């Protein structure tokens, strides 16, 4: 796992604990990518 992918996933998971707006699907939608692509990055 690369440092970038580790950082992205850890940060999203931290934010998701306080807000459901940071689910994988919602983040992917917000940044304009497919959820499967974001999952591959993570």
PDB file of N, CA and C in Angstrom:
ATOM      1  N   UNK A   1       0.851  -1.179   0.000  1.00  0.00           N
ATOM      2  CA  UNK A   1       0.000   0.000   0.000  1.00  0.00           C
ATOM      3  C   UNK A   1       0.896   1.241   0.000  1.00  0.00           C
ATOM      4  N   UNK A   2       0.605   2.166  -0.890  1.00  0.00           N
ATOM      5  CA  UNK A   2       1.419   3.380  -0.961  1.00  0.00           C
ATOM      6  C   UNK A   2       1.026   4.358   0.143  1.00  0.00           C
ATOM      7  N   UNK A   3       1.885   5.300   0.375  1.00  0.00           N
ATOM      8  CA  UNK A   3       1.641   6.301   1.403  1.00  0.00           C
ATOM      9  C   UNK A   3       0.416   7.141   1.067  1.00  0.00           C
ATOM     10  N   UNK A   4       0.261   7.499  -0.204  1.00  0.00           N
ATOM     11  CA  UNK A   4      -0.891   8.303  -0.605  1.00  0.00           C
ATOM     12  C   UNK A   4      -2.190   7.545  -0.378  1.00  0.00           C
ATOM     13  N   UNK A   5      -2.253   6.312  -0.797  1.00  0.00           N
ATOM     14  CA  UNK A   5      -3.490   5.548  -0.639  1.00  0.00           C
ATOM     15  C   UNK A   5      -3.806   5.343   0.841  1.00  0.00           C
ATOM     16  N   UNK A   6      -2.784   5.108   1.651  1.00  0.00           N
ATOM     17  CA  UNK A   6      -2.990   4.954   3.092  1.00  0.00           C
ATOM     18  C   UNK A   6      -3.551   6.247   3.681  1.00  0.00           C
ATOM     19  N   UNK A   7      -2.964   7.382   3.309  1.00  0.00           N
ATOM     20  CA  UNK A   7      -3.416   8.670   3.820  1.00  0.00           C
ATOM     21  C   UNK A   7      -4.863   8.948   3.418  1.00  0.00           C
ATOM     22  N   UNK A   8      -5.194   8.734   2.152  1.00  0.00           N
ATOM     23  CA  UNK A   8      -6.544   9.016   1.658  1.00  0.00           C
ATOM     24  C   UNK A   8      -7.573   8.193   2.426  1.00  0.00           C
ATOM     25  N   UNK A   9      -7.323   6.914   2.561  1.00  0.00           N
ATOM     26  CA  UNK A   9      -8.286   6.050   3.247  1.00  0.00           C
ATOM     27  C   UNK A   9      -8.402   6.394   4.732  1.00  0.00           C
ATOM     28  N   UNK A  10      -7.275   6.582   5.397  1.00  0.00           N
ATOM     29  CA  UNK A  10      -7.315   6.891   6.825  1.00  0.00           C
ATOM     30  C   UNK A  10      -8.049   8.201   7.086  1.00  0.00           C
ATOM     31  N   UNK A  11      -7.774   9.195   6.274  1.00  0.00           N
ATOM     32  CA  UNK A  11      -8.425  10.499   6.470  1.00  0.00           C
ATOM     33  C   UNK A  11      -9.926  10.406   6.218  1.00  0.00           C
ATOM     34  N   UNK A  12     -10.323   9.709   5.157  1.00  0.00           N
ATOM     35  CA  UNK A  12     -11.747   9.557   4.869  1.00  0.00           C
ATOM     36  C   UNK A  12     -12.447   8.801   5.992  1.00  0.00           C
ATOM     37  N   UNK A  13     -11.815   7.759   6.509  1.00  0.00           N
ATOM     38  CA  UNK A  13     -12.408   6.981   7.599  1.00  0.00           C
ATOM     39  C   UNK A  13     -12.533   7.816   8.873  1.00  0.00           C
ATOM     40  N   UNK A  14     -11.549   8.654   9.157  1.00  0.00           N
ATOM     41  CA  UNK A  14     -11.628   9.544  10.319  1.00  0.00           C
ATOM     42  C   UNK A  14     -12.822  10.482  10.193  1.00  0.00           C
ATOM     43  N   UNK A  15     -12.972  11.073   9.026  1.00  0.00           N
ATOM     44  CA  UNK A  15     -14.072  12.011   8.804  1.00  0.00           C
ATOM     45  C   UNK A  15     -15.420  11.299   8.818  1.00  0.00           C
ATOM     46  N   UNK A  16     -15.461  10.061   8.360  1.00  0.00           N
ATOM     47  CA  UNK A  16     -16.709   9.304   8.309  1.00  0.00           C
ATOM     48  C   UNK A  16     -17.243   8.996   9.704  1.00  0.00           C
ATOM     49  N   UNK A  17     -16.371   8.918  10.686  1.00  0.00           N
ATOM     50  CA  UNK A  17     -16.818   8.653  12.062  1.00  0.00           C
ATOM     51  C   UNK A  17     -17.717   9.763  12.582  1.00  0.00           C
ATOM     52  N   UNK A  18     -17.515  10.984  12.089  1.00  0.00           N
ATOM     53  CA  UNK A  18     -18.311  12.114  12.557  1.00  0.00           C
ATOM     54  C   UNK A  18     -19.411  12.516  11.585  1.00  0.00           C
ATOM     55  N   UNK A  19     -19.309  12.076  10.329  1.00  0.00           N
ATOM     56  CA  UNK A  19     -20.307  12.467   9.334  1.00  0.00           C
ATOM     57  C   UNK A  19     -20.454  11.396   8.254  1.00  0.00           C
ATOM     58  N   UNK A  20     -21.681  10.976   7.991  1.00  0.00           N
ATOM     59  CA  UNK A  20     -21.897   9.977   6.935  1.00  0.00           C
ATOM     60  C   UNK A  20     -21.630  10.519   5.532  1.00  0.00           C
ATOM     61  N   UNK A  21     -21.367  11.812   5.414  1.00  0.00           N
ATOM     62  CA  UNK A  21     -21.064  12.417   4.111  1.00  0.00           C
ATOM     63  C   UNK A  21     -19.724  11.956   3.555  1.00  0.00           C
ATOM     64  N   UNK A  22     -18.968  11.225   4.340  1.00  0.00           N
ATOM     65  CA  UNK A  22     -17.646  10.781   3.903  1.00  0.00           C
ATOM     66  C   UNK A  22     -17.590   9.291   3.594  1.00  0.00           C
ATOM     67  N   UNK A  23     -18.723   8.731   3.203  1.00  0.00           N
ATOM     68  CA  UNK A  23     -18.705   7.344   2.739  1.00  0.00           C
ATOM     69  C   UNK A  23     -17.962   7.303   1.407  1.00  0.00           C
ATOM     70  N   UNK A  24     -17.522   6.134   1.032  1.00  0.00           N
ATOM     71  CA  UNK A  24     -16.779   5.991  -0.222  1.00  0.00           C
ATOM     72  C   UNK A  24     -17.598   6.512  -1.398  1.00  0.00           C
ATOM     73  N   UNK A  25     -18.850   6.141  -1.458  1.00  0.00           N
ATOM     74  CA  UNK A  25     -19.704   6.568  -2.577  1.00  0.00           C
ATOM     75  C   UNK A  25     -19.917   8.080  -2.605  1.00  0.00           C
ATOM     76  N   UNK A  26     -20.156   8.664  -1.449  1.00  0.00           N
ATOM     77  CA  UNK A  26     -20.402  10.111  -1.422  1.00  0.00           C
ATOM     78  C   UNK A  26     -19.152  10.919  -1.751  1.00  0.00           C
ATOM     79  N   UNK A  27     -18.019  10.471  -1.265  1.00  0.00           N
ATOM     80  CA  UNK A  27     -16.765  11.174  -1.583  1.00  0.00           C
ATOM     81  C   UNK A  27     -16.474  11.057  -3.071  1.00  0.00           C
ATOM     82  N   UNK A  28     -16.651   9.866  -3.624  1.00  0.00           N
ATOM     83  CA  UNK A  28     -16.415   9.668  -5.055  1.00  0.00           C
ATOM     84  C   UNK A  28     -17.328  10.575  -5.880  1.00  0.00           C
ATOM     85  N   UNK A  29     -18.590  10.641  -5.484  1.00  0.00           N
ATOM     86  CA  UNK A  29     -19.536  11.501  -6.204  1.00  0.00           C
ATOM     87  C   UNK A  29     -19.102  12.963  -6.110  1.00  0.00           C
ATOM     88  N   UNK A  30     -18.681  13.375  -4.942  1.00  0.00           N
ATOM     89  CA  UNK A  30     -18.287  14.766  -4.717  1.00  0.00           C
ATOM     90  C   UNK A  30     -17.069  15.161  -5.546  1.00  0.00           C
ATOM     91  N   UNK A  31     -16.122  14.241  -5.723  1.00  0.00           N
ATOM     92  CA  UNK A  31     -14.914  14.593  -6.476  1.00  0.00           C
ATOM     93  C   UNK A  31     -15.006  14.215  -7.951  1.00  0.00           C
ATOM     94  N   UNK A  32     -16.121  13.596  -8.339  1.00  0.00           N
ATOM     95  CA  UNK A  32     -16.360  13.339  -9.752  1.00  0.00           C
ATOM     96  C   UNK A  32     -15.707  12.094 -10.318  1.00  0.00           C
ATOM     97  N   UNK A  33     -15.559  11.059  -9.491  1.00  0.00           N
ATOM     98  CA  UNK A  33     -15.013   9.788  -9.975  1.00  0.00           C
ATOM     99  C   UNK A  33     -15.966   8.658  -9.592  1.00  0.00           C
ATOM    100  N   UNK A  34     -15.782   7.519 -10.219  1.00  0.00           N
ATOM    101  CA  UNK A  34     -16.585   6.350  -9.882  1.00  0.00           C
ATOM    102  C   UNK A  34     -16.126   5.796  -8.531  1.00  0.00           C
ATOM    103  N   UNK A  35     -17.050   5.268  -7.731  1.00  0.00           N
ATOM    104  CA  UNK A  35     -16.663   4.670  -6.450  1.00  0.00           C
ATOM    105  C   UNK A  35     -15.626   3.560  -6.600  1.00  0.00           C
ATOM    106  N   UNK A  36     -15.722   2.789  -7.667  1.00  0.00           N
ATOM    107  CA  UNK A  36     -14.750   1.709  -7.871  1.00  0.00           C
ATOM    108  C   UNK A  36     -13.343   2.268  -8.090  1.00  0.00           C
ATOM    109  N   UNK A  37     -13.242   3.411  -8.749  1.00  0.00           N
ATOM    110  CA  UNK A  37     -11.934   4.030  -8.975  1.00  0.00           C
ATOM    111  C   UNK A  37     -11.337   4.522  -7.654  1.00  0.00           C
ATOM    112  N   UNK A  38     -12.154   5.179  -6.842  1.00  0.00           N
ATOM    113  CA  UNK A  38     -11.672   5.648  -5.545  1.00  0.00           C
ATOM    114  C   UNK A  38     -11.251   4.466  -4.680  1.00  0.00           C
ATOM    115  N   UNK A  39     -11.997   3.401  -4.745  1.00  0.00           N
ATOM    116  CA  UNK A  39     -11.653   2.195  -3.996  1.00  0.00           C
ATOM    117  C   UNK A  39     -10.299   1.646  -4.425  1.00  0.00           C
ATOM    118  N   UNK A  40     -10.024   1.666  -5.712  1.00  0.00           N
ATOM    119  CA  UNK A  40      -8.725   1.190  -6.205  1.00  0.00           C
ATOM    120  C   UNK A  40      -7.589   2.082  -5.722  1.00  0.00           C
ATOM    121  N   UNK A  41      -7.836   3.377  -5.654  1.00  0.00           N
ATOM    122  CA  UNK A  41      -6.819   4.306  -5.162  1.00  0.00           C
ATOM    123  C   UNK A  41      -6.515   4.024  -3.695  1.00  0.00           C
ATOM    124  N   UNK A  42      -7.574   3.776  -2.934  1.00  0.00           N
ATOM    125  CA  UNK A  42      -7.395   3.503  -1.509  1.00  0.00           C
ATOM    126  C   UNK A  42      -6.742   2.159  -1.311  1.00  0.00           C
TER     127      UNK A  42
END
